[in-house]
């Protein structure tokens, strides 16, 4: 069985936050659900497809995507996908 990944969350100056300040262990303060959405974006899924896959509304997906944009400080889905690849989160689906 593979070990769970540990990520260092960075503060605004780029220095790692103390472990107790990292809520979920994911980079950039992402929640587990945001990581799921991020991984599905990286596979090229649309918001509607993500909503169907995760059994949530398209509006909820849109909220997650907006939060991901803010947390990662990116401007489009391509940048989200590249970020996911860089952090080894691309291709991880909820069933993985």
N, C-alpha and C. Protein backbone atom coordinates (compact mmCIF):
# COMPACT_ATOMS: atom_id res chain seq x y z
N UNK A 1 0.84 -1.18 0.00
CA UNK A 1 0.00 0.00 0.00
C UNK A 1 0.89 1.25 0.00
N UNK A 2 0.54 2.21 -0.84
CA UNK A 2 1.34 3.42 -1.00
C UNK A 2 1.12 4.38 0.16
N UNK A 3 2.19 5.02 0.60
CA UNK A 3 2.10 5.99 1.68
C UNK A 3 1.36 7.24 1.20
N UNK A 4 0.62 7.88 2.10
CA UNK A 4 -0.05 9.13 1.79
C UNK A 4 1.00 10.21 1.55
N UNK A 5 0.74 11.06 0.57
CA UNK A 5 1.68 12.13 0.28
C UNK A 5 1.57 13.23 1.31
N UNK A 6 2.70 13.81 1.64
CA UNK A 6 2.76 14.97 2.53
C UNK A 6 3.25 16.15 1.71
N UNK A 7 2.54 17.26 1.78
CA UNK A 7 2.93 18.45 1.05
C UNK A 7 3.22 19.56 2.03
N UNK A 8 4.11 20.43 1.66
CA UNK A 8 4.41 21.61 2.46
C UNK A 8 3.59 22.77 1.91
N UNK A 9 2.74 23.33 2.72
CA UNK A 9 2.00 24.51 2.33
C UNK A 9 2.89 25.72 2.57
N UNK A 10 2.89 26.67 1.62
CA UNK A 10 3.75 27.82 1.71
C UNK A 10 2.97 29.07 2.10
N UNK A 11 3.62 29.96 2.84
CA UNK A 11 2.99 31.23 3.15
C UNK A 11 3.24 32.20 2.00
N UNK A 12 2.82 33.45 2.15
CA UNK A 12 2.93 34.42 1.06
C UNK A 12 4.37 34.68 0.64
N UNK A 13 5.32 34.53 1.54
CA UNK A 13 6.72 34.77 1.19
C UNK A 13 7.39 33.51 0.62
N UNK A 14 6.64 32.42 0.48
CA UNK A 14 7.17 31.20 -0.11
C UNK A 14 7.84 30.26 0.87
N UNK A 15 7.74 30.56 2.16
CA UNK A 15 8.33 29.69 3.18
C UNK A 15 7.28 28.69 3.67
N UNK A 16 7.69 27.47 4.00
CA UNK A 16 6.72 26.48 4.47
C UNK A 16 6.04 26.92 5.77
N UNK A 17 4.73 26.66 5.83
CA UNK A 17 4.00 26.92 7.06
C UNK A 17 4.28 25.80 8.06
N UNK A 18 4.18 26.10 9.36
CA UNK A 18 4.31 25.02 10.34
C UNK A 18 3.24 23.96 10.08
N UNK A 19 3.56 22.70 10.36
CA UNK A 19 2.63 21.60 10.10
C UNK A 19 1.23 21.84 10.64
N UNK A 20 1.11 22.43 11.83
CA UNK A 20 -0.21 22.60 12.43
C UNK A 20 -1.08 23.58 11.65
N UNK A 21 -0.50 24.40 10.76
CA UNK A 21 -1.28 25.35 9.99
C UNK A 21 -1.75 24.77 8.66
N UNK A 22 -1.28 23.61 8.26
CA UNK A 22 -1.69 22.97 7.02
C UNK A 22 -2.92 22.12 7.34
N UNK A 23 -4.07 22.57 6.90
CA UNK A 23 -5.32 21.92 7.30
C UNK A 23 -5.45 20.48 6.85
N UNK A 24 -5.16 20.21 5.58
CA UNK A 24 -5.44 18.88 5.04
C UNK A 24 -4.21 18.16 4.50
N UNK A 25 -3.07 18.79 4.56
CA UNK A 25 -1.86 18.17 4.05
C UNK A 25 -1.67 18.31 2.55
N UNK A 26 -2.55 19.07 1.89
CA UNK A 26 -2.43 19.30 0.46
C UNK A 26 -1.79 20.66 0.22
N UNK A 27 -1.10 20.81 -0.91
CA UNK A 27 -0.44 22.09 -1.19
C UNK A 27 -1.45 23.22 -1.38
N UNK A 28 -0.99 24.43 -1.11
CA UNK A 28 -1.75 25.67 -1.33
C UNK A 28 -3.03 25.74 -0.50
N UNK A 29 -3.16 24.91 0.50
CA UNK A 29 -4.36 24.94 1.34
C UNK A 29 -5.59 24.35 0.69
N UNK A 30 -5.40 23.52 -0.33
CA UNK A 30 -6.53 22.89 -1.01
C UNK A 30 -7.21 21.89 -0.09
N UNK A 31 -8.52 21.81 -0.22
CA UNK A 31 -9.29 20.81 0.52
C UNK A 31 -9.24 19.49 -0.25
N UNK A 32 -9.58 18.39 0.40
CA UNK A 32 -9.62 17.12 -0.34
C UNK A 32 -10.54 17.16 -1.56
N UNK A 33 -11.69 17.81 -1.46
CA UNK A 33 -12.61 17.89 -2.59
C UNK A 33 -12.03 18.76 -3.71
N UNK A 34 -11.36 19.84 -3.34
CA UNK A 34 -10.72 20.67 -4.36
C UNK A 34 -9.63 19.90 -5.09
N UNK A 35 -8.92 19.04 -4.39
CA UNK A 35 -7.90 18.21 -5.04
C UNK A 35 -8.57 17.24 -6.02
N UNK A 36 -9.72 16.68 -5.64
CA UNK A 36 -10.45 15.80 -6.56
C UNK A 36 -10.84 16.56 -7.82
N UNK A 37 -11.39 17.76 -7.64
CA UNK A 37 -11.81 18.58 -8.78
C UNK A 37 -10.59 18.95 -9.63
N UNK A 38 -9.52 19.35 -8.99
CA UNK A 38 -8.28 19.71 -9.68
C UNK A 38 -7.78 18.54 -10.54
N UNK A 39 -7.78 17.36 -10.00
CA UNK A 39 -7.32 16.18 -10.73
C UNK A 39 -8.20 15.90 -11.94
N UNK A 40 -9.49 16.11 -11.79
CA UNK A 40 -10.40 15.87 -12.91
C UNK A 40 -10.26 16.96 -13.97
N UNK A 41 -10.00 18.19 -13.56
CA UNK A 41 -9.72 19.26 -14.53
C UNK A 41 -8.48 18.89 -15.34
N UNK A 42 -7.48 18.34 -14.67
CA UNK A 42 -6.24 17.97 -15.33
C UNK A 42 -6.44 16.88 -16.37
N UNK A 43 -7.52 16.10 -16.25
CA UNK A 43 -7.81 15.08 -17.26
C UNK A 43 -8.59 15.64 -18.44
N UNK A 44 -8.97 16.93 -18.34
CA UNK A 44 -9.70 17.58 -19.43
C UNK A 44 -11.20 17.59 -19.28
N UNK A 45 -11.70 17.19 -18.13
CA UNK A 45 -13.15 17.16 -17.92
C UNK A 45 -13.73 18.57 -17.82
N UNK A 46 -14.96 18.72 -18.29
CA UNK A 46 -15.70 19.97 -18.13
C UNK A 46 -16.33 20.01 -16.74
N UNK A 47 -16.84 21.17 -16.36
CA UNK A 47 -17.52 21.27 -15.06
C UNK A 47 -18.70 20.32 -14.98
N UNK A 48 -19.46 20.20 -16.07
CA UNK A 48 -20.62 19.30 -16.07
C UNK A 48 -20.19 17.84 -15.88
N UNK A 49 -19.11 17.45 -16.55
CA UNK A 49 -18.61 16.08 -16.41
C UNK A 49 -18.09 15.83 -14.99
N UNK A 50 -17.42 16.84 -14.42
CA UNK A 50 -16.93 16.70 -13.05
C UNK A 50 -18.11 16.56 -12.09
N UNK A 51 -19.14 17.37 -12.31
CA UNK A 51 -20.33 17.30 -11.45
C UNK A 51 -20.94 15.91 -11.49
N UNK A 52 -21.08 15.35 -12.69
CA UNK A 52 -21.63 13.99 -12.83
C UNK A 52 -20.74 12.95 -12.15
N UNK A 53 -19.44 13.11 -12.32
CA UNK A 53 -18.49 12.15 -11.76
C UNK A 53 -18.48 12.16 -10.23
N UNK A 54 -18.62 13.34 -9.64
CA UNK A 54 -18.55 13.47 -8.18
C UNK A 54 -19.93 13.53 -7.51
N UNK A 55 -20.98 13.46 -8.30
CA UNK A 55 -22.36 13.50 -7.79
C UNK A 55 -22.63 14.79 -7.02
N UNK A 56 -22.19 15.91 -7.60
CA UNK A 56 -22.45 17.23 -7.04
C UNK A 56 -23.00 18.11 -8.15
N UNK A 57 -23.54 19.27 -7.79
CA UNK A 57 -24.12 20.15 -8.81
C UNK A 57 -23.03 20.90 -9.58
N UNK A 58 -23.34 21.29 -10.82
CA UNK A 58 -22.39 22.10 -11.58
C UNK A 58 -22.03 23.40 -10.87
N UNK A 59 -22.98 23.97 -10.15
CA UNK A 59 -22.72 25.19 -9.40
C UNK A 59 -21.66 24.95 -8.31
N UNK A 60 -21.75 23.82 -7.64
CA UNK A 60 -20.76 23.47 -6.62
C UNK A 60 -19.39 23.29 -7.25
N UNK A 61 -19.34 22.65 -8.42
CA UNK A 61 -18.06 22.50 -9.13
C UNK A 61 -17.49 23.87 -9.44
N UNK A 62 -18.34 24.77 -9.93
CA UNK A 62 -17.88 26.12 -10.27
C UNK A 62 -17.29 26.80 -9.03
N UNK A 63 -17.92 26.63 -7.88
CA UNK A 63 -17.39 27.21 -6.64
C UNK A 63 -16.02 26.62 -6.31
N UNK A 64 -15.87 25.30 -6.45
CA UNK A 64 -14.58 24.66 -6.19
C UNK A 64 -13.51 25.18 -7.16
N UNK A 65 -13.88 25.30 -8.44
CA UNK A 65 -12.92 25.79 -9.44
C UNK A 65 -12.49 27.22 -9.11
N UNK A 66 -13.43 28.06 -8.71
CA UNK A 66 -13.11 29.43 -8.32
C UNK A 66 -12.15 29.44 -7.13
N UNK A 67 -12.40 28.60 -6.14
CA UNK A 67 -11.51 28.50 -4.99
C UNK A 67 -10.12 28.02 -5.40
N UNK A 68 -10.06 27.07 -6.32
CA UNK A 68 -8.77 26.56 -6.80
C UNK A 68 -8.00 27.68 -7.50
N UNK A 69 -8.69 28.45 -8.36
CA UNK A 69 -8.04 29.59 -9.03
C UNK A 69 -7.40 30.52 -8.01
N UNK A 70 -8.16 30.86 -6.98
CA UNK A 70 -7.67 31.79 -5.96
C UNK A 70 -6.49 31.22 -5.18
N UNK A 71 -6.62 29.97 -4.75
CA UNK A 71 -5.57 29.37 -3.93
C UNK A 71 -4.28 29.14 -4.71
N UNK A 72 -4.40 28.77 -5.97
CA UNK A 72 -3.21 28.51 -6.78
C UNK A 72 -2.70 29.76 -7.48
N UNK A 73 -3.51 30.80 -7.44
CA UNK A 73 -3.19 32.07 -8.10
C UNK A 73 -2.92 31.85 -9.58
N UNK A 74 -3.85 31.15 -10.23
CA UNK A 74 -3.77 30.90 -11.66
C UNK A 74 -5.00 31.51 -12.32
N UNK A 75 -4.96 31.59 -13.67
CA UNK A 75 -6.03 32.28 -14.38
C UNK A 75 -6.83 31.40 -15.33
N UNK A 76 -6.38 30.18 -15.58
CA UNK A 76 -7.16 29.33 -16.48
C UNK A 76 -6.95 27.85 -16.16
N UNK A 77 -7.77 27.01 -16.80
CA UNK A 77 -7.77 25.58 -16.54
C UNK A 77 -6.46 24.92 -16.97
N UNK A 78 -5.83 25.45 -18.01
CA UNK A 78 -4.55 24.90 -18.44
C UNK A 78 -3.51 25.05 -17.34
N UNK A 79 -3.48 26.20 -16.69
CA UNK A 79 -2.54 26.42 -15.60
C UNK A 79 -2.85 25.50 -14.42
N UNK A 80 -4.14 25.25 -14.18
CA UNK A 80 -4.52 24.31 -13.12
C UNK A 80 -3.97 22.92 -13.46
N UNK A 81 -4.14 22.51 -14.72
CA UNK A 81 -3.66 21.18 -15.14
C UNK A 81 -2.14 21.09 -15.01
N UNK A 82 -1.43 22.12 -15.42
CA UNK A 82 0.03 22.11 -15.30
C UNK A 82 0.46 22.06 -13.84
N UNK A 83 -0.25 22.77 -12.98
CA UNK A 83 0.04 22.76 -11.55
C UNK A 83 -0.18 21.36 -10.98
N UNK A 84 -1.28 20.73 -11.39
CA UNK A 84 -1.59 19.37 -10.92
C UNK A 84 -0.50 18.39 -11.34
N UNK A 85 -0.02 18.53 -12.55
CA UNK A 85 1.05 17.65 -13.04
C UNK A 85 2.33 17.88 -12.23
N UNK A 86 2.66 19.15 -12.00
CA UNK A 86 3.88 19.48 -11.25
C UNK A 86 3.85 18.91 -9.83
N UNK A 87 2.67 18.84 -9.22
CA UNK A 87 2.56 18.34 -7.85
C UNK A 87 2.17 16.86 -7.79
N UNK A 88 2.12 16.21 -8.94
CA UNK A 88 1.82 14.78 -8.96
C UNK A 88 0.38 14.46 -8.64
N UNK A 89 -0.54 15.42 -8.89
CA UNK A 89 -1.94 15.19 -8.59
C UNK A 89 -2.78 14.91 -9.82
N UNK A 90 -2.19 15.02 -11.00
CA UNK A 90 -2.93 14.80 -12.23
C UNK A 90 -3.29 13.33 -12.38
N UNK A 91 -4.49 13.08 -12.84
CA UNK A 91 -4.91 11.71 -13.08
C UNK A 91 -5.42 10.98 -11.87
N UNK A 92 -5.36 11.60 -10.71
CA UNK A 92 -5.91 10.95 -9.51
C UNK A 92 -7.40 11.23 -9.46
N UNK A 93 -8.18 10.19 -9.59
CA UNK A 93 -9.62 10.33 -9.52
C UNK A 93 -10.10 9.82 -8.18
N UNK A 94 -11.35 10.13 -7.82
CA UNK A 94 -11.87 9.69 -6.53
C UNK A 94 -11.75 8.19 -6.28
N UNK A 95 -11.73 7.39 -7.34
CA UNK A 95 -11.63 5.94 -7.17
C UNK A 95 -10.19 5.46 -7.00
N UNK A 96 -9.19 6.35 -7.24
CA UNK A 96 -7.78 5.96 -7.11
C UNK A 96 -7.38 5.76 -5.67
